[in-house]
Structure formats: C-alpha cells, structure tokens
Amino acid sequence: MVADSDLARLEWRKSSYSGGGNDCVEVALTADGAAVRDSKNPSGGMLTLSGSQWDALLAAARAGELDLS
C-alpha cells in the first residue's frame, strides 16, 4: 500500500514499448512493490501491487499469458 504522503514522490514512467500516444499504463516502483495507473487519467486512481504480485504480473506478461490474441 502506498501512503498518501508518498504519492507525490512517486516517479511514474511509461514502457519503452509504448507508441508515444496517451493509451498506455504508467508504473511507479514503491518500497513494497509497484503502482500502476492509466496514462489517460493519472488522477483517476492506481492499482498497487506487493513485490510478489508485481513479479507475478511481469512473469505472466513475459510468458504471453496476458495477450489478447
């Protein structure tokens, strides 16, 4: 969980695979894992993940388990 006092200090970044548009997610690493938000609506909330959840998400993405095709 990201404390309210830490929100302003998060350093958000987009994937280098992003097409440069405004249709991707942004990620900020936290002390406990990561936070993910929609780049089109950065103030619309975020999903926070523990370190093990973040690792599992990355592993699933790399294995193609999240592909829509």
C-alpha atoms as a PDB file:
ATOM      1  CA  MET A   1       0.000   0.000   0.000  1.00  0.00           C
ATOM      2  CA  VAL A   2       1.297   3.450  -0.862  1.00  0.00           C
ATOM      3  CA  ALA A   3       0.924   6.007   1.915  1.00  0.00           C
ATOM      4  CA  ASP A   4      -0.730   9.301   0.960  1.00  0.00           C
ATOM      5  CA  SER A   5       2.463  11.128   1.935  1.00  0.00           C
ATOM      6  CA  ASP A   6       4.420   9.074  -0.612  1.00  0.00           C
ATOM      7  CA  LEU A   7       2.095   9.686  -3.587  1.00  0.00           C
ATOM      8  CA  ALA A   8       3.697  12.985  -4.595  1.00  0.00           C
ATOM      9  CA  ARG A   9       7.135  11.386  -4.649  1.00  0.00           C
ATOM     10  CA  LEU A  10       6.287   8.513  -6.983  1.00  0.00           C
ATOM     11  CA  GLU A  11       8.239   8.579 -10.224  1.00  0.00           C
ATOM     12  CA  TRP A  12       5.898   7.409 -12.977  1.00  0.00           C
ATOM     13  CA  ARG A  13       7.219   6.035 -16.252  1.00  0.00           C
ATOM     14  CA  LYS A  14       5.832   4.512 -19.425  1.00  0.00           C
ATOM     15  CA  SER A  15       7.146   1.427 -21.128  1.00  0.00           C
ATOM     16  CA  SER A  16       9.782   1.905 -23.795  1.00  0.00           C
ATOM     17  CA  TYR A  17       7.443  -0.211 -25.956  1.00  0.00           C
ATOM     18  CA  SER A  18       4.759   2.469 -25.726  1.00  0.00           C
ATOM     19  CA  GLY A  19       3.828   4.033 -29.052  1.00  0.00           C
ATOM     20  CA  GLY A  20       4.173   7.502 -27.580  1.00  0.00           C
ATOM     21  CA  GLY A  21       0.439   8.090 -27.517  1.00  0.00           C
ATOM     22  CA  ASN A  22      -1.653   8.523 -24.436  1.00  0.00           C
ATOM     23  CA  ASP A  23      -3.057   4.992 -24.416  1.00  0.00           C
ATOM     24  CA  CYS A  24      -0.850   3.041 -22.089  1.00  0.00           C
ATOM     25  CA  VAL A  25      -0.236   2.419 -18.430  1.00  0.00           C
ATOM     26  CA  GLU A  26       2.383   4.047 -16.262  1.00  0.00           C
ATOM     27  CA  VAL A  27       4.311   2.308 -13.498  1.00  0.00           C
ATOM     28  CA  ALA A  28       5.963   3.634 -10.365  1.00  0.00           C
ATOM     29  CA  LEU A  29       8.127   1.414  -8.207  1.00  0.00           C
ATOM     30  CA  THR A  30       7.366   1.671  -4.499  1.00  0.00           C
ATOM     31  CA  ALA A  31       9.141   0.490  -1.375  1.00  0.00           C
ATOM     32  CA  ASP A  32       6.802  -2.524  -1.245  1.00  0.00           C
ATOM     33  CA  GLY A  33       6.271  -3.281  -4.947  1.00  0.00           C
ATOM     34  CA  ALA A  34       4.723  -1.151  -7.684  1.00  0.00           C
ATOM     35  CA  ALA A  35       1.802   1.091  -8.558  1.00  0.00           C
ATOM     36  CA  VAL A  36       0.106   1.119 -11.967  1.00  0.00           C
ATOM     37  CA  ARG A  37      -2.188   3.810 -13.411  1.00  0.00           C
ATOM     38  CA  ASP A  38      -3.863   4.766 -16.686  1.00  0.00           C
ATOM     39  CA  SER A  39      -1.823   7.390 -18.554  1.00  0.00           C
ATOM     40  CA  LYS A  40      -5.037   8.974 -19.913  1.00  0.00           C
ATOM     41  CA  ASN A  41      -6.367   9.554 -16.394  1.00  0.00           C
ATOM     42  CA  PRO A  42      -3.444   9.843 -13.966  1.00  0.00           C
ATOM     43  CA  SER A  43      -5.606  11.242 -11.179  1.00  0.00           C
ATOM     44  CA  GLY A  44      -8.201   8.501 -11.592  1.00  0.00           C
ATOM     45  CA  GLY A  45      -6.590   6.113  -9.152  1.00  0.00           C
ATOM     46  CA  MET A  46      -3.978   3.411  -9.233  1.00  0.00           C
ATOM     47  CA  LEU A  47      -3.554  -0.279  -8.680  1.00  0.00           C
ATOM     48  CA  THR A  48      -0.962  -1.068  -6.027  1.00  0.00           C
ATOM     49  CA  LEU A  49       0.844  -4.397  -6.032  1.00  0.00           C
ATOM     50  CA  SER A  50       3.114  -6.040  -3.497  1.00  0.00           C
ATOM     51  CA  GLY A  51       6.557  -7.122  -4.646  1.00  0.00           C
ATOM     52  CA  SER A  52       5.428 -10.719  -5.191  1.00  0.00           C
ATOM     53  CA  GLN A  53       2.297  -9.602  -7.058  1.00  0.00           C
ATOM     54  CA  TRP A  54       4.375  -7.319  -9.302  1.00  0.00           C
ATOM     55  CA  ASP A  55       6.811 -10.158 -10.025  1.00  0.00           C
ATOM     56  CA  ALA A  56       3.896 -12.479 -10.891  1.00  0.00           C
ATOM     57  CA  LEU A  57       2.352  -9.881 -13.227  1.00  0.00           C
ATOM     58  CA  LEU A  58       5.660  -9.355 -15.036  1.00  0.00           C
ATOM     59  CA  ALA A  59       6.214 -13.123 -15.358  1.00  0.00           C
ATOM     60  CA  ALA A  60       2.709 -13.619 -16.807  1.00  0.00           C
ATOM     61  CA  ALA A  61       3.206 -10.767 -19.295  1.00  0.00           C
ATOM     62  CA  ARG A  62       6.588 -12.088 -20.392  1.00  0.00           C
ATOM     63  CA  ALA A  63       5.144 -15.577 -20.855  1.00  0.00           C
ATOM     64  CA  GLY A  64       2.375 -14.220 -23.103  1.00  0.00           C
ATOM     65  CA  GLU A  65      -0.344 -15.199 -20.653  1.00  0.00           C
ATOM     66  CA  LEU A  66      -1.946 -11.749 -20.877  1.00  0.00           C
ATOM     67  CA  ASP A  67      -2.024 -11.437 -24.665  1.00  0.00           C
ATOM     68  CA  LEU A  68      -5.475 -10.698 -26.061  1.00  0.00           C
ATOM     69  CA  SER A  69      -4.960 -12.598 -29.295  1.00  0.00           C
END
